Amino acid sequence: MFEHHQKLAIFMEGALDNDSGKMGFGLMRFSKHPIVCVIDSNYEGKSVSEAVGLPYSIPVVATVDEAVQLEAEIMVLGIAPSGGRFPAEWDGPVSHALENGLSLINGLHDDLNARFGHLVKQNTIWDVRKPQHAYPIATAKATEQKNKRILMVGTDMAAGKMTAGLELYAALREKGVKVGFVPTGQIGITLMGNGIPLDAIKVDQAAGAVEQAVLEQAHNDIIIIEGQGSLAHPGSTATLPLMRGSQPTHLIMCHKAAYSHLRYPVSHIPIPPLDDFIQLNEAVAKVCGSQNTAKTIGIALNTVGLDASEAAKKMEEIERSTKLPTTDVVRFGVEKLVNAILKS
C-alpha cells in the first residue's frame, strides 16, 4: 500500500500510557517505516522512552502541525478504542492531517474514505479493516497441507498473540526457514501489507477467510497464524473460525502473567487454570477427534506489570507446572519457542 521509506506519525492522543494504544506500540516495535513522531499532547516535548519507559527515542508532539513540520507523510491511527469505533473528537486532527497532504492509515471499523474522502487529493486513506466482498465457506482444506500451522491462542484479549507471532516469524526467517505469517487484525495487516480483518468479516465466512489466507501460504513449511480473542472471553468469537479455517497442527498459548482475571469490562471473570485452558483449546481444535489434532508446544508470557525478577520467577513457575517451554519473547527472547516449533 505504501513504500517503506515513507515517514509515519502515530496518532496516540491520550493513549500512549495505556493498552488502548496497542496499534501504535506494535508499529513502534515492528514497522519498517521511519517514525518521525507520536502525537499525544499529554507527553509533549518528551520521547516515548521518557514518557512511558519503552525503548524508543521517538519524539512526542502535541499537534498534527508539528508532525507536518517533521516531514511526516502518513498519519496512522495508533489507538484501538473499545469496539473499534471512530470517536467524533478525532474529526479535527484527521481532517487537518488530510488537508495538509498526509495519507491516513485507519485500523478502525469505520469507513474513513466515506467520511473524509472529499479531503483526499494526492494522498490516500487506507481502511485496513475493509474486507473483500465475499469469502468461501471453509471446508477444512488446510488439513491436506503437509506444513506446520502454528496458531497463536490466548487466555485473554491483548495477551501478546500478535507480538509473539511476529517475533517467531522474524526469528524463523533469520534461520532460513520457509515461513509465512497470516495477519488477522489491523496491526498485523498494517505491518505486513496484507491479511484478513477477521472481526469485520461475516461470521459465516470468517473460517473460510482464514482458510483462504492459509492456503495462499501453502508453499511455506511453517505458517504462523495471528491469533485474536480468547475462548475464555464472553465477548469474543474469533478463536473458533481461526481454528476451523487454519486447522492448526500446533498451538502457542499467550498469557498475561500478572493477571488473575480478564481485563475490563469483564474483570469479574477469572482466567481459567492454565492447564485446563490448554486442554480446552486442544479439545476444541480436535472436535472429539473428528478434525485436526493441535498440540500446544509452548507458552508466550506477557510479563507487563512484573519486574525482571518477578517475571523470571513466574516464567519458571509456569514452565514447571505445565512442562512446556515458556518465555516472554520481548524480555527473554524467542529461542525456546523457535526450538519447540522446529523440533515438533
Protein backbone atom coordinates (compact mmCIF):
# COMPACT_ATOMS: atom_id res chain seq x y z
CA MET A 1 0.00 0.00 0.00
CA PHE A 2 2.82 2.43 0.93
CA GLU A 3 6.57 2.49 0.33
CA HIS A 4 8.75 1.61 3.32
CA HIS A 5 10.72 4.86 3.07
CA GLN A 6 7.61 6.97 3.76
CA LYS A 7 7.64 8.61 7.18
CA LEU A 8 4.98 7.90 9.80
CA ALA A 9 3.38 9.97 12.54
CA ILE A 10 1.43 7.85 15.02
CA PHE A 11 -1.70 9.49 16.43
CA MET A 12 -2.00 8.30 20.06
CA GLU A 13 -3.77 11.19 21.81
CA GLY A 14 -4.49 10.07 25.40
CA ALA A 15 -3.33 6.50 24.72
CA LEU A 16 0.47 6.49 24.94
CA ASP A 17 0.33 5.31 28.54
CA ASN A 18 -2.34 2.60 28.29
CA ASP A 19 -3.09 -0.56 26.31
CA SER A 20 -5.63 1.11 24.02
CA GLY A 21 -2.50 2.32 22.21
CA LYS A 22 -1.56 -1.20 21.12
CA MET A 23 -1.70 -0.29 17.41
CA GLY A 24 0.93 2.38 17.99
CA PHE A 25 3.07 0.13 20.17
CA GLY A 26 3.01 -2.58 17.51
CA LEU A 27 4.18 -0.12 14.87
CA MET A 28 6.98 1.17 17.09
CA ARG A 29 8.26 -2.37 17.57
CA PHE A 30 7.85 -3.81 14.09
CA SER A 31 7.26 -1.17 11.41
CA LYS A 32 9.79 -0.89 8.59
CA HIS A 33 8.78 2.76 8.10
CA PRO A 34 10.75 5.58 9.78
CA ILE A 35 8.59 7.00 12.59
CA VAL A 36 9.16 10.75 13.00
CA CYS A 37 6.83 11.34 15.96
CA VAL A 38 4.00 10.21 18.18
CA ILE A 39 1.10 12.63 18.74
CA ASP A 40 -0.09 12.78 22.37
CA SER A 41 -0.38 16.22 23.99
CA ASN A 42 -0.12 14.67 27.47
CA TYR A 43 3.59 13.99 26.89
CA GLU A 44 4.55 16.85 24.56
CA GLY A 45 8.27 17.51 24.46
CA LYS A 46 9.33 14.10 25.72
CA SER A 47 10.49 11.00 23.89
CA VAL A 48 8.48 7.79 24.09
CA SER A 49 11.21 6.41 26.33
CA GLU A 50 10.98 9.37 28.71
CA ALA A 51 7.18 9.32 28.68
CA VAL A 52 6.39 5.66 29.25
CA GLY A 53 9.68 3.78 29.55
CA LEU A 54 9.52 1.93 26.23
CA PRO A 55 12.89 1.68 24.43
CA TYR A 56 12.14 4.20 21.66
CA SER A 57 13.65 7.66 21.24
CA ILE A 58 10.74 8.78 19.06
CA PRO A 59 9.72 12.37 19.93
CA VAL A 60 6.21 13.04 21.28
CA VAL A 61 4.43 16.10 19.92
CA ALA A 62 1.07 17.70 20.64
CA THR A 63 -0.34 18.51 17.21
CA VAL A 64 -0.65 17.42 13.61
CA ASP A 65 1.11 20.65 12.58
CA GLU A 66 4.23 19.54 14.44
CA ALA A 67 4.09 16.18 12.66
CA VAL A 68 3.91 18.01 9.31
CA GLN A 69 6.94 20.11 10.30
CA LEU A 70 8.82 16.86 10.98
CA GLU A 71 8.02 15.82 7.40
CA ALA A 72 5.57 13.05 8.24
CA GLU A 73 3.92 11.63 5.11
CA ILE A 74 1.42 9.23 6.69
CA MET A 75 -0.58 9.52 9.91
CA VAL A 76 -1.52 6.21 11.50
CA LEU A 77 -4.38 5.99 13.98
CA GLY A 78 -2.41 4.21 16.69
CA ILE A 79 -5.33 3.75 19.09
CA ALA A 80 -7.73 0.82 19.33
CA PRO A 81 -10.73 2.21 21.26
CA SER A 82 -13.31 -0.19 22.69
CA GLY A 83 -15.45 -1.60 19.90
CA GLY A 84 -13.12 -0.22 17.22
CA ARG A 85 -15.31 2.82 16.60
CA PHE A 86 -14.04 6.20 15.39
CA PRO A 87 -14.58 8.90 18.07
CA ALA A 88 -16.09 12.21 16.92
CA GLU A 89 -13.33 14.17 18.70
CA TRP A 90 -10.82 12.85 16.15
CA ASP A 91 -12.59 14.63 13.27
CA GLY A 92 -10.46 17.76 13.74
CA PRO A 93 -6.96 16.25 13.74
CA VAL A 94 -7.77 13.72 10.99
CA SER A 95 -9.28 16.41 8.74
CA HIS A 96 -6.29 18.65 9.39
CA ALA A 97 -3.84 15.86 8.54
CA LEU A 98 -5.57 15.09 5.26
CA GLU A 99 -5.87 18.78 4.33
CA ASN A 100 -2.11 19.09 4.87
CA GLY A 101 -1.37 16.27 2.45
CA LEU A 102 -0.77 13.40 4.89
CA SER A 103 -2.11 9.99 3.97
CA LEU A 104 -4.03 8.08 6.64
CA ILE A 105 -3.90 4.50 7.88
CA ASN A 106 -7.12 3.62 9.69
CA GLY A 107 -7.39 0.37 11.65
CA LEU A 108 -10.89 1.06 12.99
CA HIS A 109 -14.17 -0.38 11.74
CA ASP A 110 -15.43 2.93 10.32
CA ASP A 111 -15.01 3.59 6.60
CA LEU A 112 -12.97 6.80 6.66
CA ASN A 113 -12.85 7.01 2.87
CA ALA A 114 -16.59 7.56 3.07
CA ARG A 115 -16.22 10.05 5.92
CA PHE A 116 -13.18 12.04 4.76
CA GLY A 117 -12.73 11.10 1.09
CA HIS A 118 -13.66 14.61 -0.04
CA LEU A 119 -10.42 15.87 1.59
CA VAL A 120 -8.16 13.46 -0.31
CA LYS A 121 -6.12 14.83 -3.24
CA GLN A 122 -2.76 13.22 -3.97
CA ASN A 123 -2.83 11.44 -0.60
CA THR A 124 -4.62 8.20 0.35
CA ILE A 125 -6.81 6.73 3.09
CA TRP A 126 -6.22 3.02 3.76
CA ASP A 127 -9.14 1.49 5.66
CA VAL A 128 -7.30 -1.58 6.92
CA ARG A 129 -10.39 -3.36 8.25
CA LYS A 130 -12.28 -3.29 4.96
CA PRO A 131 -12.88 -6.94 3.98
CA GLN A 132 -13.28 -8.23 0.46
CA HIS A 133 -16.86 -8.59 -0.80
CA ALA A 134 -17.19 -12.31 -0.01
CA TYR A 135 -15.15 -15.32 1.11
CA PRO A 136 -15.66 -19.04 0.50
CA ILE A 137 -17.19 -21.29 3.16
CA ALA A 138 -14.49 -23.29 4.95
CA THR A 139 -14.18 -27.00 4.17
CA ALA A 140 -11.08 -27.95 6.22
CA LYS A 141 -8.87 -27.93 3.11
CA ALA A 142 -5.89 -26.86 5.24
CA THR A 143 -5.67 -30.42 6.61
CA GLU A 144 -4.42 -31.53 3.19
CA GLN A 145 -1.28 -29.43 3.62
CA LYS A 146 1.94 -31.05 4.87
CA ASN A 147 3.26 -27.91 6.58
CA LYS A 148 3.18 -26.87 10.24
CA ARG A 149 0.42 -24.39 11.04
CA ILE A 150 1.06 -22.58 14.33
CA LEU A 151 -1.99 -20.78 15.74
CA MET A 152 -1.42 -18.22 18.48
CA VAL A 153 -4.17 -18.51 21.11
CA GLY A 154 -4.62 -16.61 24.36
CA THR A 155 -6.16 -16.54 27.80
CA ASP A 156 -7.48 -13.02 27.15
CA MET A 157 -7.63 -10.18 24.66
CA ALA A 158 -4.39 -8.18 24.28
CA ALA A 159 -2.30 -11.03 25.69
CA GLY A 160 0.53 -10.63 23.17
CA LYS A 161 -0.59 -13.01 20.41
CA MET A 162 0.45 -10.71 17.57
CA THR A 163 3.77 -9.71 19.16
CA ALA A 164 4.77 -13.30 19.92
CA GLY A 165 3.70 -14.42 16.45
CA LEU A 166 5.68 -11.72 14.67
CA GLU A 167 8.76 -12.40 16.81
CA LEU A 168 8.54 -16.10 15.90
CA TYR A 169 8.10 -15.26 12.23
CA ALA A 170 11.14 -12.95 12.23
CA ALA A 171 13.33 -15.44 14.11
CA LEU A 172 12.42 -18.35 11.83
CA ARG A 173 13.11 -16.21 8.75
CA GLU A 174 16.55 -15.37 10.14
CA LYS A 175 17.23 -19.11 10.38
CA GLY A 176 16.39 -19.52 6.71
CA VAL A 177 13.11 -21.35 7.32
CA LYS A 178 10.38 -21.04 4.68
CA VAL A 179 7.83 -19.37 6.95
CA GLY A 180 4.70 -17.33 6.35
CA PHE A 181 2.63 -15.09 8.59
CA VAL A 182 -1.16 -14.69 8.31
CA PRO A 183 -2.24 -11.32 9.75
CA THR A 184 -5.81 -11.32 11.07
CA GLY A 185 -6.05 -7.92 12.79
CA GLN A 186 -5.43 -4.29 11.95
CA ILE A 187 -1.89 -4.11 13.33
CA GLY A 188 -0.64 -7.22 11.55
CA ILE A 189 -2.29 -6.18 8.28
CA THR A 190 -0.76 -2.70 8.52
CA LEU A 191 2.70 -4.13 9.17
CA MET A 192 2.60 -6.87 6.53
CA GLY A 193 0.55 -5.05 3.89
CA ASN A 194 -1.85 -8.00 3.51
CA GLY A 195 -4.10 -10.27 5.56
CA ILE A 196 -7.73 -10.54 6.65
CA PRO A 197 -9.62 -8.21 9.01
CA LEU A 198 -11.23 -11.12 10.85
CA ASP A 199 -13.54 -9.13 13.11
CA ALA A 200 -15.01 -7.27 10.11
CA ILE A 201 -15.95 -10.43 8.19
CA LYS A 202 -19.42 -12.01 8.31
CA VAL A 203 -19.40 -14.79 10.85
CA ASP A 204 -20.44 -17.47 8.32
CA GLN A 205 -17.50 -16.54 6.10
CA ALA A 206 -14.86 -15.99 8.81
CA ALA A 207 -13.48 -19.53 8.84
CA GLY A 208 -13.41 -19.52 5.03
CA ALA A 209 -11.45 -16.27 5.02
CA VAL A 210 -8.87 -17.83 7.36
CA GLU A 211 -8.74 -20.98 5.25
CA GLN A 212 -8.18 -18.97 2.07
CA ALA A 213 -5.36 -16.95 3.69
CA VAL A 214 -3.68 -20.12 4.99
CA LEU A 215 -3.92 -21.88 1.62
CA GLU A 216 -2.30 -18.86 -0.02
CA GLN A 217 0.73 -19.58 2.20
CA ALA A 218 0.79 -23.30 1.33
CA HIS A 219 4.26 -23.03 -0.24
CA ASN A 220 5.76 -22.35 3.22
CA ASP A 221 6.99 -25.10 5.54
CA ILE A 222 5.69 -23.24 8.59
CA ILE A 223 2.79 -20.79 8.81
CA ILE A 224 2.27 -18.55 11.85
CA ILE A 225 -1.40 -17.54 12.20
CA GLU A 226 -2.01 -14.37 14.19
CA GLY A 227 -4.49 -15.08 16.98
CA GLN A 228 -7.47 -12.98 18.03
CA GLY A 229 -9.61 -13.01 21.16
CA SER A 230 -9.92 -15.92 23.54
CA LEU A 231 -12.22 -18.85 24.23
CA ALA A 232 -12.33 -17.55 27.82
CA HIS A 233 -13.76 -14.16 26.86
CA PRO A 234 -17.58 -13.85 26.71
CA GLY A 235 -17.36 -11.13 24.06
CA SER A 236 -15.04 -12.97 21.67
CA THR A 237 -15.94 -15.24 18.76
CA ALA A 238 -12.60 -15.13 16.94
CA THR A 239 -10.83 -18.29 18.12
CA LEU A 240 -13.30 -20.71 16.56
CA PRO A 241 -13.02 -19.52 12.93
CA LEU A 242 -9.25 -19.32 13.34
CA MET A 243 -9.18 -22.96 14.41
CA ARG A 244 -11.66 -24.12 11.77
CA GLY A 245 -10.01 -22.23 8.95
CA SER A 246 -6.36 -22.92 9.73
CA GLN A 247 -6.78 -26.48 11.05
CA PRO A 248 -3.67 -25.87 13.19
CA THR A 249 -1.10 -28.54 13.80
CA HIS A 250 0.26 -26.68 16.82
CA LEU A 251 -0.84 -24.02 19.31
CA ILE A 252 1.14 -21.50 21.33
CA MET A 253 -0.68 -20.19 24.38
CA CYS A 254 -0.26 -16.48 25.15
CA HIS A 255 -0.88 -15.39 28.73
CA LYS A 256 -0.63 -12.18 30.76
CA ALA A 257 1.41 -13.35 33.73
CA ALA A 258 0.48 -10.54 36.13
CA TYR A 259 -3.28 -11.01 35.80
CA SER A 260 -5.69 -13.39 37.51
CA HIS A 261 -8.83 -12.02 35.81
CA LEU A 262 -9.82 -10.91 32.33
CA ARG A 263 -9.31 -7.23 31.60
CA TYR A 264 -12.05 -4.59 31.94
CA PRO A 265 -15.02 -4.64 31.28
CA VAL A 266 -15.16 -8.34 32.17
CA SER A 267 -12.69 -8.18 35.04
CA HIS A 268 -15.16 -10.08 37.24
CA ILE A 269 -14.29 -13.24 35.28
CA PRO A 270 -11.21 -15.18 36.46
CA ILE A 271 -8.73 -16.54 33.94
CA PRO A 272 -9.09 -20.35 33.92
CA PRO A 273 -6.26 -22.52 35.28
CA LEU A 274 -3.65 -22.66 32.54
CA ASP A 275 -3.52 -26.46 32.24
CA ASP A 276 -7.31 -26.67 31.96
CA PHE A 277 -7.41 -23.90 29.39
CA ILE A 278 -4.70 -25.52 27.27
CA GLN A 279 -6.71 -28.75 27.26
CA LEU A 280 -9.87 -26.83 26.29
CA ASN A 281 -8.21 -25.21 23.28
CA GLU A 282 -6.78 -28.53 22.13
CA ALA A 283 -10.17 -30.22 22.56
CA VAL A 284 -11.99 -27.50 20.58
CA ALA A 285 -9.42 -27.75 17.77
CA LYS A 286 -9.76 -31.53 17.66
CA VAL A 287 -13.61 -31.63 17.86
CA CYS A 288 -13.80 -35.00 19.65
CA GLY A 289 -11.28 -36.45 17.20
CA SER A 290 -13.15 -35.59 14.01
CA GLN A 291 -10.82 -32.76 12.97
CA ASN A 292 -7.13 -31.97 13.09
CA THR A 293 -5.16 -32.60 16.29
CA ALA A 294 -3.36 -29.48 17.52
CA LYS A 295 -0.77 -29.83 20.26
CA THR A 296 0.25 -26.92 22.49
CA ILE A 297 4.04 -26.69 22.20
CA GLY A 298 4.85 -23.59 24.25
CA ILE A 299 3.68 -20.62 26.26
CA ALA A 300 4.38 -16.99 25.38
CA LEU A 301 4.12 -14.94 28.56
CA ASN A 302 3.34 -11.25 28.60
CA THR A 303 5.04 -10.10 31.81
CA VAL A 304 3.99 -6.43 31.71
CA GLY A 305 3.42 -5.29 35.29
CA LEU A 306 6.15 -7.50 36.74
CA ASP A 307 9.74 -6.51 37.38
CA ALA A 308 12.52 -8.59 35.85
CA SER A 309 12.97 -10.93 38.81
CA GLU A 310 9.21 -11.43 39.22
CA ALA A 311 8.92 -12.14 35.50
CA ALA A 312 11.71 -14.71 35.56
CA LYS A 313 10.20 -16.40 38.62
CA LYS A 314 6.76 -16.55 37.00
CA MET A 315 8.22 -17.95 33.81
CA GLU A 316 9.99 -20.73 35.71
CA GLU A 317 6.87 -21.47 37.76
CA ILE A 318 4.63 -21.84 34.68
CA GLU A 319 7.24 -23.86 32.80
CA ARG A 320 7.49 -26.23 35.76
CA SER A 321 3.72 -26.62 36.21
CA THR A 322 2.83 -27.03 32.51
CA LYS A 323 6.03 -28.80 31.42
CA LEU A 324 6.03 -26.57 28.34
CA PRO A 325 8.80 -24.21 27.17
CA THR A 326 7.84 -20.76 28.43
CA THR A 327 9.23 -17.31 27.74
CA ASP A 328 8.42 -13.64 27.42
CA VAL A 329 9.59 -13.08 23.84
CA VAL A 330 10.26 -9.39 24.47
CA ARG A 331 12.18 -9.75 27.74
CA PHE A 332 13.82 -13.13 27.40
CA GLY A 333 13.86 -13.85 23.67
CA VAL A 334 12.03 -16.25 21.41
CA GLU A 335 14.56 -19.07 21.10
CA LYS A 336 12.73 -21.54 23.37
CA LEU A 337 9.60 -21.32 21.24
CA VAL A 338 11.54 -21.43 17.96
CA ASN A 339 13.23 -24.63 19.09
CA ALA A 340 9.87 -26.09 20.15
CA ILE A 341 8.46 -25.41 16.66
CA LEU A 342 11.45 -26.84 14.82
CA LYS A 343 11.51 -29.99 16.99
CA SER A 344 7.76 -30.62 16.78
